[in-house]
PDB file of all heavy atoms in Angstrom:
ATOM      1  N   GLN A   1     -18.385  30.916 -68.169  1.00  0.00           N
ATOM      2  CA  GLN A   1     -16.964  31.216 -68.024  1.00  0.00           C
ATOM      3  C   GLN A   1     -16.520  31.217 -66.554  1.00  0.00           C
ATOM      4  O   GLN A   1     -15.331  31.234 -66.277  1.00  0.00           O
ATOM      5  CB  GLN A   1     -16.634  32.553 -68.674  1.00  0.00           C
ATOM      6  CG  GLN A   1     -16.801  32.501 -70.175  1.00  0.00           C
ATOM      7  CD  GLN A   1     -16.603  33.846 -70.828  1.00  0.00           C
ATOM      8  OE1 GLN A   1     -16.754  34.884 -70.213  1.00  0.00           O
ATOM      9  NE2 GLN A   1     -16.249  33.816 -72.095  1.00  0.00           N
ATOM     10  N   ILE A   2     -17.478  31.195 -65.655  1.00  0.00           N
ATOM     11  CA  ILE A   2     -17.151  31.128 -64.233  1.00  0.00           C
ATOM     12  C   ILE A   2     -16.986  29.653 -63.866  1.00  0.00           C
ATOM     13  O   ILE A   2     -17.943  28.882 -63.857  1.00  0.00           O
ATOM     14  CB  ILE A   2     -18.247  31.776 -63.350  1.00  0.00           C
ATOM     15  CG1 ILE A   2     -18.483  33.225 -63.754  1.00  0.00           C
ATOM     16  CG2 ILE A   2     -17.884  31.641 -61.880  1.00  0.00           C
ATOM     17  CD1 ILE A   2     -17.323  34.156 -63.512  1.00  0.00           C
ATOM     18  N   GLU A   3     -15.764  29.290 -63.586  1.00  0.00           N
ATOM     19  CA  GLU A   3     -15.445  27.901 -63.252  1.00  0.00           C
ATOM     20  C   GLU A   3     -15.873  27.566 -61.833  1.00  0.00           C
ATOM     21  O   GLU A   3     -16.402  26.488 -61.571  1.00  0.00           O
ATOM     22  CB  GLU A   3     -13.938  27.691 -63.398  1.00  0.00           C
ATOM     23  CG  GLU A   3     -13.448  26.331 -62.994  1.00  0.00           C
ATOM     24  CD  GLU A   3     -11.932  26.236 -63.081  1.00  0.00           C
ATOM     25  OE1 GLU A   3     -11.328  26.957 -63.888  1.00  0.00           O
ATOM     26  OE2 GLU A   3     -11.364  25.450 -62.328  1.00  0.00           O
ATOM     27  N   GLU A   4     -15.622  28.512 -60.909  1.00  0.00           N
ATOM     28  CA  GLU A   4     -15.896  28.242 -59.508  1.00  0.00           C
ATOM     29  C   GLU A   4     -16.115  29.555 -58.769  1.00  0.00           C
ATOM     30  O   GLU A   4     -15.427  30.533 -59.017  1.00  0.00           O
ATOM     31  CB  GLU A   4     -14.714  27.487 -58.891  1.00  0.00           C
ATOM     32  CG  GLU A   4     -14.954  26.952 -57.519  1.00  0.00           C
ATOM     33  CD  GLU A   4     -13.813  26.065 -57.032  1.00  0.00           C
ATOM     34  OE1 GLU A   4     -12.669  26.219 -57.499  1.00  0.00           O
ATOM     35  OE2 GLU A   4     -14.079  25.226 -56.163  1.00  0.00           O
ATOM     36  N   ILE A   5     -17.104  29.555 -57.878  1.00  0.00           N
ATOM     37  CA  ILE A   5     -17.385  30.714 -57.038  1.00  0.00           C
ATOM     38  C   ILE A   5     -16.986  30.343 -55.620  1.00  0.00           C
ATOM     39  O   ILE A   5     -17.471  29.350 -55.065  1.00  0.00           O
ATOM     40  CB  ILE A   5     -18.875  31.094 -57.108  1.00  0.00           C
ATOM     41  CG1 ILE A   5     -19.252  31.409 -58.553  1.00  0.00           C
ATOM     42  CG2 ILE A   5     -19.171  32.269 -56.180  1.00  0.00           C
ATOM     43  CD1 ILE A   5     -20.731  31.473 -58.811  1.00  0.00           C
ATOM     44  N   LEU A   6     -16.078  31.140 -55.067  1.00  0.00           N
ATOM     45  CA  LEU A   6     -15.548  30.867 -53.739  1.00  0.00           C
ATOM     46  C   LEU A   6     -16.049  31.903 -52.747  1.00  0.00           C
ATOM     47  O   LEU A   6     -16.273  33.062 -53.096  1.00  0.00           O
ATOM     48  CB  LEU A   6     -14.018  30.902 -53.776  1.00  0.00           C
ATOM     49  CG  LEU A   6     -13.346  30.036 -54.844  1.00  0.00           C
ATOM     50  CD1 LEU A   6     -11.843  30.278 -54.859  1.00  0.00           C
ATOM     51  CD2 LEU A   6     -13.656  28.579 -54.615  1.00  0.00           C
ATOM     52  N   THR A   7     -16.207  31.498 -51.503  1.00  0.00           N
ATOM     53  CA  THR A   7     -16.574  32.424 -50.443  1.00  0.00           C
ATOM     54  C   THR A   7     -16.029  31.906 -49.124  1.00  0.00           C
ATOM     55  O   THR A   7     -15.372  30.868 -49.084  1.00  0.00           O
ATOM     56  CB  THR A   7     -18.108  32.635 -50.405  1.00  0.00           C
ATOM     57  OG1 THR A   7     -18.395  33.808 -49.640  1.00  0.00           O
ATOM     58  CG2 THR A   7     -18.837  31.441 -49.836  1.00  0.00           C
ATOM     59  N   THR A   8     -16.322  32.643 -48.068  1.00  0.00           N
ATOM     60  CA  THR A   8     -15.835  32.270 -46.738  1.00  0.00           C
ATOM     61  C   THR A   8     -17.014  31.818 -45.878  1.00  0.00           C
ATOM     62  O   THR A   8     -18.167  32.157 -46.163  1.00  0.00           O
ATOM     63  CB  THR A   8     -15.153  33.465 -46.056  1.00  0.00           C
ATOM     64  OG1 THR A   8     -16.143  34.456 -45.755  1.00  0.00           O
ATOM     65  CG2 THR A   8     -14.054  34.052 -46.927  1.00  0.00           C
ATOM     66  N   GLU A   9     -16.731  31.102 -44.835  1.00  0.00           N
ATOM     67  CA  GLU A   9     -17.785  30.685 -43.901  1.00  0.00           C
ATOM     68  C   GLU A   9     -18.423  31.910 -43.260  1.00  0.00           C
ATOM     69  O   GLU A   9     -19.635  31.959 -43.061  1.00  0.00           O
ATOM     70  CB  GLU A   9     -17.229  29.737 -42.829  1.00  0.00           C
ATOM     71  CG  GLU A   9     -18.284  29.247 -41.863  1.00  0.00           C
ATOM     72  CD  GLU A   9     -19.486  28.551 -42.530  1.00  0.00           C
ATOM     73  OE1 GLU A   9     -19.273  27.688 -43.393  1.00  0.00           O
ATOM     74  OE2 GLU A   9     -20.638  28.894 -42.178  1.00  0.00           O
ATOM     75  N   ASN A  10     -17.612  32.911 -42.970  1.00  0.00           N
ATOM     76  CA  ASN A  10     -18.109  34.158 -42.391  1.00  0.00           C
ATOM     77  C   ASN A  10     -19.134  34.812 -43.328  1.00  0.00           C
ATOM     78  O   ASN A  10     -20.185  35.282 -42.893  1.00  0.00           O
ATOM     79  CB  ASN A  10     -16.916  35.091 -42.141  1.00  0.00           C
ATOM     80  CG  ASN A  10     -17.187  36.116 -41.096  1.00  0.00           C
ATOM     81  OD1 ASN A  10     -17.881  35.848 -40.129  1.00  0.00           O
ATOM     82  ND2 ASN A  10     -16.632  37.297 -41.278  1.00  0.00           N
ATOM     83  N   THR A  11     -18.837  34.836 -44.606  1.00  0.00           N
ATOM     84  CA  THR A  11     -19.739  35.416 -45.597  1.00  0.00           C
ATOM     85  C   THR A  11     -21.028  34.611 -45.688  1.00  0.00           C
ATOM     86  O   THR A  11     -22.123  35.179 -45.726  1.00  0.00           O
ATOM     87  CB  THR A  11     -19.059  35.485 -46.977  1.00  0.00           C
ATOM     88  OG1 THR A  11     -17.899  36.302 -46.877  1.00  0.00           O
ATOM     89  CG2 THR A  11     -19.986  36.043 -48.030  1.00  0.00           C
ATOM     90  N   LEU A  12     -20.905  33.298 -45.686  1.00  0.00           N
ATOM     91  CA  LEU A  12     -22.098  32.455 -45.764  1.00  0.00           C
ATOM     92  C   LEU A  12     -22.980  32.633 -44.529  1.00  0.00           C
ATOM     93  O   LEU A  12     -24.209  32.655 -44.642  1.00  0.00           O
ATOM     94  CB  LEU A  12     -21.690  30.994 -45.943  1.00  0.00           C
ATOM     95  CG  LEU A  12     -22.630  30.119 -46.741  1.00  0.00           C
ATOM     96  CD1 LEU A  12     -23.030  30.737 -48.064  1.00  0.00           C
ATOM     97  CD2 LEU A  12     -22.048  28.756 -46.947  1.00  0.00           C
ATOM     98  N   ALA A  13     -22.374  32.807 -43.364  1.00  0.00           N
ATOM     99  CA  ALA A  13     -23.141  33.072 -42.136  1.00  0.00           C
ATOM    100  C   ALA A  13     -23.888  34.397 -42.248  1.00  0.00           C
ATOM    101  O   ALA A  13     -25.050  34.511 -41.834  1.00  0.00           O
ATOM    102  CB  ALA A  13     -22.215  33.081 -40.931  1.00  0.00           C
ATOM    103  N   GLU A  14     -23.238  35.407 -42.825  1.00  0.00           N
ATOM    104  CA  GLU A  14     -23.880  36.704 -43.040  1.00  0.00           C
ATOM    105  C   GLU A  14     -25.061  36.558 -44.004  1.00  0.00           C
ATOM    106  O   GLU A  14     -26.130  37.151 -43.792  1.00  0.00           O
ATOM    107  CB  GLU A  14     -22.858  37.697 -43.598  1.00  0.00           C
ATOM    108  CG  GLU A  14     -23.377  39.089 -43.779  1.00  0.00           C
ATOM    109  CD  GLU A  14     -22.337  40.047 -44.358  1.00  0.00           C
ATOM    110  OE1 GLU A  14     -21.150  39.687 -44.506  1.00  0.00           O
ATOM    111  OE2 GLU A  14     -22.739  41.172 -44.680  1.00  0.00           O
ATOM    112  N   VAL A  15     -24.900  35.758 -45.044  1.00  0.00           N
ATOM    113  CA  VAL A  15     -25.974  35.525 -46.013  1.00  0.00           C
ATOM    114  C   VAL A  15     -27.162  34.850 -45.322  1.00  0.00           C
ATOM    115  O   VAL A  15     -28.314  35.244 -45.519  1.00  0.00           O
ATOM    116  CB  VAL A  15     -25.482  34.690 -47.212  1.00  0.00           C
ATOM    117  CG1 VAL A  15     -26.636  34.246 -48.095  1.00  0.00           C
ATOM    118  CG2 VAL A  15     -24.468  35.482 -48.012  1.00  0.00           C
ATOM    119  N   ARG A  16     -26.881  33.851 -44.496  1.00  0.00           N
ATOM    120  CA  ARG A  16     -27.964  33.161 -43.775  1.00  0.00           C
ATOM    121  C   ARG A  16     -28.727  34.143 -42.881  1.00  0.00           C
ATOM    122  O   ARG A  16     -29.959  34.136 -42.831  1.00  0.00           O
ATOM    123  CB  ARG A  16     -27.406  32.014 -42.935  1.00  0.00           C
ATOM    124  CG  ARG A  16     -26.998  30.812 -43.731  1.00  0.00           C
ATOM    125  CD  ARG A  16     -26.583  29.658 -42.805  1.00  0.00           C
ATOM    126  NE  ARG A  16     -25.694  28.787 -43.489  1.00  0.00           N
ATOM    127  CZ  ARG A  16     -24.370  28.716 -43.295  1.00  0.00           C
ATOM    128  NH1 ARG A  16     -23.773  29.483 -42.418  1.00  0.00           N
ATOM    129  NH2 ARG A  16     -23.635  27.868 -43.987  1.00  0.00           N
ATOM    130  N   GLU A  17     -27.981  34.975 -42.183  1.00  0.00           N
ATOM    131  CA  GLU A  17     -28.584  35.956 -41.275  1.00  0.00           C
ATOM    132  C   GLU A  17     -29.482  36.936 -42.040  1.00  0.00           C
ATOM    133  O   GLU A  17     -30.631  37.164 -41.665  1.00  0.00           O
ATOM    134  CB  GLU A  17     -27.478  36.722 -40.550  1.00  0.00           C
ATOM    135  CG  GLU A  17     -27.976  37.817 -39.640  1.00  0.00           C
ATOM    136  CD  GLU A  17     -26.849  38.643 -39.044  1.00  0.00           C
ATOM    137  OE1 GLU A  17     -25.676  38.178 -39.037  1.00  0.00           O
ATOM    138  OE2 GLU A  17     -27.128  39.759 -38.583  1.00  0.00           O
ATOM    139  N   TYR A  18     -28.969  37.501 -43.104  1.00  0.00           N
ATOM    140  CA  TYR A  18     -29.732  38.493 -43.859  1.00  0.00           C
ATOM    141  C   TYR A  18     -30.833  37.882 -44.713  1.00  0.00           C
ATOM    142  O   TYR A  18     -31.796  38.562 -45.059  1.00  0.00           O
ATOM    143  CB  TYR A  18     -28.808  39.372 -44.700  1.00  0.00           C
ATOM    144  CG  TYR A  18     -28.112  40.396 -43.845  1.00  0.00           C
ATOM    145  CD1 TYR A  18     -26.777  40.247 -43.507  1.00  0.00           C
ATOM    146  CD2 TYR A  18     -28.807  41.489 -43.348  1.00  0.00           C
ATOM    147  CE1 TYR A  18     -26.145  41.180 -42.694  1.00  0.00           C
ATOM    148  CE2 TYR A  18     -28.183  42.423 -42.539  1.00  0.00           C
ATOM    149  CZ  TYR A  18     -26.853  42.259 -42.216  1.00  0.00           C
ATOM    150  OH  TYR A  18     -26.229  43.170 -41.406  1.00  0.00           O
ATOM    151  N   ALA A  19     -30.727  36.611 -45.038  1.00  0.00           N
ATOM    152  CA  ALA A  19     -31.790  35.947 -45.796  1.00  0.00           C
ATOM    153  C   ALA A  19     -33.085  35.963 -44.992  1.00  0.00           C
ATOM    154  O   ALA A  19     -34.168  36.202 -45.546  1.00  0.00           O
ATOM    155  CB  ALA A  19     -31.388  34.516 -46.161  1.00  0.00           C
ATOM    156  N   VAL A  20     -32.976  35.757 -43.697  1.00  0.00           N
ATOM    157  CA  VAL A  20     -34.162  35.785 -42.830  1.00  0.00           C
ATOM    158  C   VAL A  20     -34.751  37.193 -42.779  1.00  0.00           C
ATOM    159  O   VAL A  20     -35.964  37.376 -42.885  1.00  0.00           O
ATOM    160  CB  VAL A  20     -33.806  35.277 -41.414  1.00  0.00           C
ATOM    161  CG1 VAL A  20     -34.971  35.445 -40.460  1.00  0.00           C
ATOM    162  CG2 VAL A  20     -33.360  33.818 -41.473  1.00  0.00           C
ATOM    163  N   VAL A  21     -33.886  38.194 -42.671  1.00  0.00           N
ATOM    164  CA  VAL A  21     -34.326  39.595 -42.655  1.00  0.00           C
ATOM    165  C   VAL A  21     -35.005  39.956 -43.983  1.00  0.00           C
ATOM    166  O   VAL A  21     -36.080  40.567 -43.988  1.00  0.00           O
ATOM    167  CB  VAL A  21     -33.134  40.541 -42.374  1.00  0.00           C
ATOM    168  CG1 VAL A  21     -33.519  41.993 -42.536  1.00  0.00           C
ATOM    169  CG2 VAL A  21     -32.558  40.278 -40.988  1.00  0.00           C
ATOM    170  N   LEU A  22     -34.387  39.559 -45.072  1.00  0.00           N
ATOM    171  CA  LEU A  22     -34.961  39.852 -46.395  1.00  0.00           C
ATOM    172  C   LEU A  22     -36.283  39.123 -46.619  1.00  0.00           C
ATOM    173  O   LEU A  22     -37.185  39.660 -47.263  1.00  0.00           O
ATOM    174  CB  LEU A  22     -33.970  39.477 -47.494  1.00  0.00           C
ATOM    175  CG  LEU A  22     -32.806  40.431 -47.671  1.00  0.00           C
ATOM    176  CD1 LEU A  22     -31.790  39.846 -48.644  1.00  0.00           C
ATOM    177  CD2 LEU A  22     -33.287  41.779 -48.162  1.00  0.00           C
ATOM    178  N   ALA A  23     -36.386  37.919 -46.100  1.00  0.00           N
ATOM    179  CA  ALA A  23     -37.633  37.165 -46.247  1.00  0.00           C
ATOM    180  C   ALA A  23     -38.781  37.939 -45.605  1.00  0.00           C
ATOM    181  O   ALA A  23     -39.852  38.084 -46.205  1.00  0.00           O
ATOM    182  CB  ALA A  23     -37.495  35.781 -45.613  1.00  0.00           C
ATOM    183  N   LYS A  24     -38.550  38.454 -44.403  1.00  0.00           N
ATOM    184  CA  LYS A  24     -39.592  39.236 -43.728  1.00  0.00           C
ATOM    185  C   LYS A  24     -39.900  40.505 -44.520  1.00  0.00           C
ATOM    186  O   LYS A  24     -41.061  40.849 -44.724  1.00  0.00           O
ATOM    187  CB  LYS A  24     -39.145  39.603 -42.318  1.00  0.00           C
ATOM    188  CG  LYS A  24     -39.155  38.446 -41.364  1.00  0.00           C
ATOM    189  CD  LYS A  24     -38.703  38.867 -39.981  1.00  0.00           C
ATOM    190  CE  LYS A  24     -38.595  37.654 -39.065  1.00  0.00           C
ATOM    191  NZ  LYS A  24     -38.074  38.023 -37.745  1.00  0.00           N
ATOM    192  N   LYS A  25     -38.859  41.178 -44.959  1.00  0.00           N
ATOM    193  CA  LYS A  25     -39.019  42.440 -45.682  1.00  0.00           C
ATOM    194  C   LYS A  25     -39.780  42.260 -46.993  1.00  0.00           C
ATOM    195  O   LYS A  25     -40.592  43.097 -47.375  1.00  0.00           O
ATOM    196  CB  LYS A  25     -37.635  43.033 -45.945  1.00  0.00           C
ATOM    197  CG  LYS A  25     -37.641  44.429 -46.484  1.00  0.00           C
ATOM    198  CD  LYS A  25     -36.214  44.940 -46.581  1.00  0.00           C
ATOM    199  CE  LYS A  25     -36.197  46.387 -47.004  1.00  0.00           C
ATOM    200  NZ  LYS A  25     -34.847  46.940 -47.013  1.00  0.00           N
ATOM    201  N   LYS A  26     -39.527  41.154 -47.684  1.00  0.00           N
ATOM    202  CA  LYS A  26     -40.144  40.902 -48.986  1.00  0.00           C
ATOM    203  C   LYS A  26     -41.356  39.981 -48.896  1.00  0.00           C
ATOM    204  O   LYS A  26     -41.882  39.537 -49.908  1.00  0.00           O
ATOM    205  CB  LYS A  26     -39.109  40.343 -49.950  1.00  0.00           C
ATOM    206  CG  LYS A  26     -37.997  41.343 -50.242  1.00  0.00           C
ATOM    207  CD  LYS A  26     -37.200  40.917 -51.431  1.00  0.00           C
ATOM    208  CE  LYS A  26     -36.201  41.953 -51.821  1.00  0.00           C
ATOM    209  NZ  LYS A  26     -36.776  43.061 -52.562  1.00  0.00           N
ATOM    210  N   ASN A  27     -41.747  39.667 -47.652  1.00  0.00           N
ATOM    211  CA  ASN A  27     -42.908  38.814 -47.404  1.00  0.00           C
ATOM    212  C   ASN A  27     -42.775  37.453 -48.099  1.00  0.00           C
ATOM    213  O   ASN A  27     -43.689  36.985 -48.777  1.00  0.00           O
ATOM    214  CB  ASN A  27     -44.198  39.524 -47.825  1.00  0.00           C
ATOM    215  CG  ASN A  27     -45.405  38.952 -47.123  1.00  0.00           C
ATOM    216  OD1 ASN A  27     -45.283  38.367 -46.048  1.00  0.00           O
ATOM    217  ND2 ASN A  27     -46.567  39.096 -47.725  1.00  0.00           N
ATOM    218  N   LEU A  28     -41.603  36.854 -47.940  1.00  0.00           N
ATOM    219  CA  LEU A  28     -41.318  35.536 -48.505  1.00  0.00           C
ATOM    220  C   LEU A  28     -41.101  34.544 -47.366  1.00  0.00           C
ATOM    221  O   LEU A  28     -40.686  34.928 -46.271  1.00  0.00           O
ATOM    222  CB  LEU A  28     -40.049  35.593 -49.363  1.00  0.00           C
ATOM    223  CG  LEU A  28     -40.092  36.496 -50.590  1.00  0.00           C
ATOM    224  CD1 LEU A  28     -38.691  36.680 -51.155  1.00  0.00           C
ATOM    225  CD2 LEU A  28     -41.026  35.912 -51.637  1.00  0.00           C
ATOM    226  N   PRO A  29     -41.335  33.272 -47.603  1.00  0.00           N
ATOM    227  CA  PRO A  29     -41.059  32.279 -46.555  1.00  0.00           C
ATOM    228  C   PRO A  29     -39.549  32.179 -46.282  1.00  0.00           C
ATOM    229  O   PRO A  29     -38.763  31.925 -47.195  1.00  0.00           O
ATOM    230  CB  PRO A  29     -41.591  30.968 -47.140  1.00  0.00           C
ATOM    231  CG  PRO A  29     -42.381  31.340 -48.350  1.00  0.00           C
ATOM    232  CD  PRO A  29     -41.916  32.685 -48.792  1.00  0.00           C
ATOM    233  N   ALA A  30     -39.170  32.378 -45.036  1.00  0.00           N
ATOM    234  CA  ALA A  30     -37.750  32.346 -44.652  1.00  0.00           C
ATOM    235  C   ALA A  30     -37.120  30.995 -44.959  1.00  0.00           C
ATOM    236  O   ALA A  30     -35.972  30.928 -45.403  1.00  0.00           O
ATOM    237  CB  ALA A  30     -37.591  32.686 -43.174  1.00  0.00           C
ATOM    238  N   ASP A  31     -37.863  29.907 -44.741  1.00  0.00           N
ATOM    239  CA  ASP A  31     -37.285  28.578 -44.981  1.00  0.00           C
ATOM    240  C   ASP A  31     -36.945  28.360 -46.456  1.00  0.00           C
ATOM    241  O   ASP A  31     -35.956  27.687 -46.781  1.00  0.00           O
ATOM    242  CB  ASP A  31     -38.193  27.463 -44.454  1.00  0.00           C
ATOM    243  CG  ASP A  31     -39.602  27.494 -45.032  1.00  0.00           C
ATOM    244  OD1 ASP A  31     -40.022  28.549 -45.553  1.00  0.00           O
ATOM    245  OD2 ASP A  31     -40.294  26.456 -44.939  1.00  0.00           O
ATOM    246  N   ILE A  32     -37.706  28.975 -47.357  1.00  0.00           N
ATOM    247  CA  ILE A  32     -37.411  28.847 -48.793  1.00  0.00           C
ATOM    248  C   ILE A  32     -36.118  29.591 -49.129  1.00  0.00           C
ATOM    249  O   ILE A  32     -35.270  29.079 -49.867  1.00  0.00           O
ATOM    250  CB  ILE A  32     -38.574  29.384 -49.662  1.00  0.00           C
ATOM    251  CG1 ILE A  32     -39.847  28.598 -49.408  1.00  0.00           C
ATOM    252  CG2 ILE A  32     -38.198  29.396 -51.140  1.00  0.00           C
ATOM    253  CD1 ILE A  32     -39.769  27.140 -49.789  1.00  0.00           C
ATOM    254  N   LEU A  33     -35.951  30.798 -48.577  1.00  0.00           N
ATOM    255  CA  LEU A  33     -34.713  31.547 -48.842  1.00  0.00           C
ATOM    256  C   LEU A  33     -33.508  30.841 -48.230  1.00  0.00           C
ATOM    257  O   LEU A  33     -32.440  30.797 -48.835  1.00  0.00           O
ATOM    258  CB  LEU A  33     -34.810  32.976 -48.317  1.00  0.00           C
ATOM    259  CG  LEU A  33     -35.575  33.957 -49.188  1.00  0.00           C
ATOM    260  CD1 LEU A  33     -35.447  35.375 -48.655  1.00  0.00           C
ATOM    261  CD2 LEU A  33     -35.134  33.912 -50.623  1.00  0.00           C
ATOM    262  N   LEU A  34     -33.677  30.275 -47.051  1.00  0.00           N
ATOM    263  CA  LEU A  34     -32.561  29.549 -46.432  1.00  0.00           C
ATOM    264  C   LEU A  34     -32.215  28.301 -47.240  1.00  0.00           C
ATOM    265  O   LEU A  34     -31.039  27.947 -47.361  1.00  0.00           O
ATOM    266  CB  LEU A  34     -32.891  29.200 -44.976  1.00  0.00           C
ATOM    267  CG  LEU A  34     -32.908  30.389 -44.033  1.00  0.00           C
ATOM    268  CD1 LEU A  34     -33.452  29.991 -42.665  1.00  0.00           C
ATOM    269  CD2 LEU A  34     -31.524  31.005 -43.895  1.00  0.00           C
ATOM    270  N   LEU A  35     -33.202  27.660 -47.805  1.00  0.00           N
ATOM    271  CA  LEU A  35     -32.947  26.520 -48.690  1.00  0.00           C
ATOM    272  C   LEU A  35     -32.184  26.976 -49.927  1.00  0.00           C
ATOM    273  O   LEU A  35     -31.248  26.309 -50.382  1.00  0.00           O
ATOM    274  CB  LEU A  35     -34.265  25.849 -49.088  1.00  0.00           C
ATOM    275  CG  LEU A  35     -34.146  24.625 -49.981  1.00  0.00           C
ATOM    276  CD1 LEU A  35     -33.362  23.516 -49.292  1.00  0.00           C
ATOM    277  CD2 LEU A  35     -35.531  24.134 -50.378  1.00  0.00           C
ATOM    278  N   ALA A  36     -32.556  28.145 -50.457  1.00  0.00           N
ATOM    279  CA  ALA A  36     -31.845  28.693 -51.615  1.00  0.00           C
ATOM    280  C   ALA A  36     -30.388  28.971 -51.268  1.00  0.00           C
ATOM    281  O   ALA A  36     -29.496  28.750 -52.095  1.00  0.00           O
ATOM    282  CB  ALA A  36     -32.528  29.971 -52.098  1.00  0.00           C
ATOM    283  N   VAL A  37     -30.128  29.418 -50.049  1.00  0.00           N
ATOM    284  CA  VAL A  37     -28.740  29.667 -49.610  1.00  0.00           C
ATOM    285  C   VAL A  37     -27.949  28.366 -49.646  1.00  0.00           C
ATOM    286  O   VAL A  37     -26.823  28.330 -50.149  1.00  0.00           O
ATOM    287  CB  VAL A  37     -28.693  30.286 -48.193  1.00  0.00           C
ATOM    288  CG1 VAL A  37     -27.268  30.329 -47.667  1.00  0.00           C
ATOM    289  CG2 VAL A  37     -29.311  31.679 -48.195  1.00  0.00           C
ATOM    290  N   THR A  38     -28.532  27.292 -49.156  1.00  0.00           N
ATOM    291  CA  THR A  38     -27.808  26.013 -49.127  1.00  0.00           C
ATOM    292  C   THR A  38     -27.566  25.451 -50.521  1.00  0.00           C
ATOM    293  O   THR A  38     -26.675  24.634 -50.707  1.00  0.00           O
ATOM    294  CB  THR A  38     -28.538  24.949 -48.279  1.00  0.00           C
ATOM    295  OG1 THR A  38     -29.804  24.672 -48.858  1.00  0.00           O
ATOM    296  CG2 THR A  38     -28.708  25.410 -46.847  1.00  0.00           C
ATOM    297  N   SER A  39     -28.363  25.902 -51.497  1.00  0.00           N
ATOM    298  CA  SER A  39     -28.187  25.380 -52.851  1.00  0.00           C
ATOM    299  C   SER A  39     -27.307  26.271 -53.739  1.00  0.00           C
ATOM    300  O   SER A  39     -27.144  25.979 -54.925  1.00  0.00           O
ATOM    301  CB  SER A  39     -29.554  25.178 -53.512  1.00  0.00           C
ATOM    302  OG  SER A  39     -30.184  26.413 -53.728  1.00  0.00           O
ATOM    303  N   LEU A  40     -26.758  27.337 -53.163  1.00  0.00           N
ATOM    304  CA  LEU A  40     -25.872  28.202 -53.949  1.00  0.00           C
ATOM    305  C   LEU A  40     -24.666  27.402 -54.443  1.00  0.00           C
ATOM    306  O   LEU A  40     -24.076  26.628 -53.684  1.00  0.00           O
ATOM    307  CB  LEU A  40     -25.385  29.388 -53.109  1.00  0.00           C
ATOM    308  CG  LEU A  40     -26.386  30.491 -52.848  1.00  0.00           C
ATOM    309  CD1 LEU A  40     -25.859  31.444 -51.766  1.00  0.00           C
ATOM    310  CD2 LEU A  40     -26.702  31.260 -54.123  1.00  0.00           C
ATOM    311  N   PRO A  41     -24.279  27.609 -55.688  1.00  0.00           N
ATOM    312  CA  PRO A  41     -23.132  26.867 -56.231  1.00  0.00           C
ATOM    313  C   PRO A  41     -21.796  27.513 -55.832  1.00  0.00           C
ATOM    314  O   PRO A  41     -21.062  28.034 -56.669  1.00  0.00           O
ATOM    315  CB  PRO A  41     -23.366  26.956 -57.749  1.00  0.00           C
ATOM    316  CG  PRO A  41     -24.037  28.288 -57.917  1.00  0.00           C
ATOM    317  CD  PRO A  41     -24.916  28.453 -56.701  1.00  0.00           C
TER     318      PRO A  41
END
């Protein structure tokens, strides 16, 4: 039922920044989380 998910560039920059922090915290590869960010619909 969700046709489109909208966000701002500012929000996406925040997601990129915290993805790296979360990767370290959760012991995950940062490049994989950053790739997941780029694939968000």
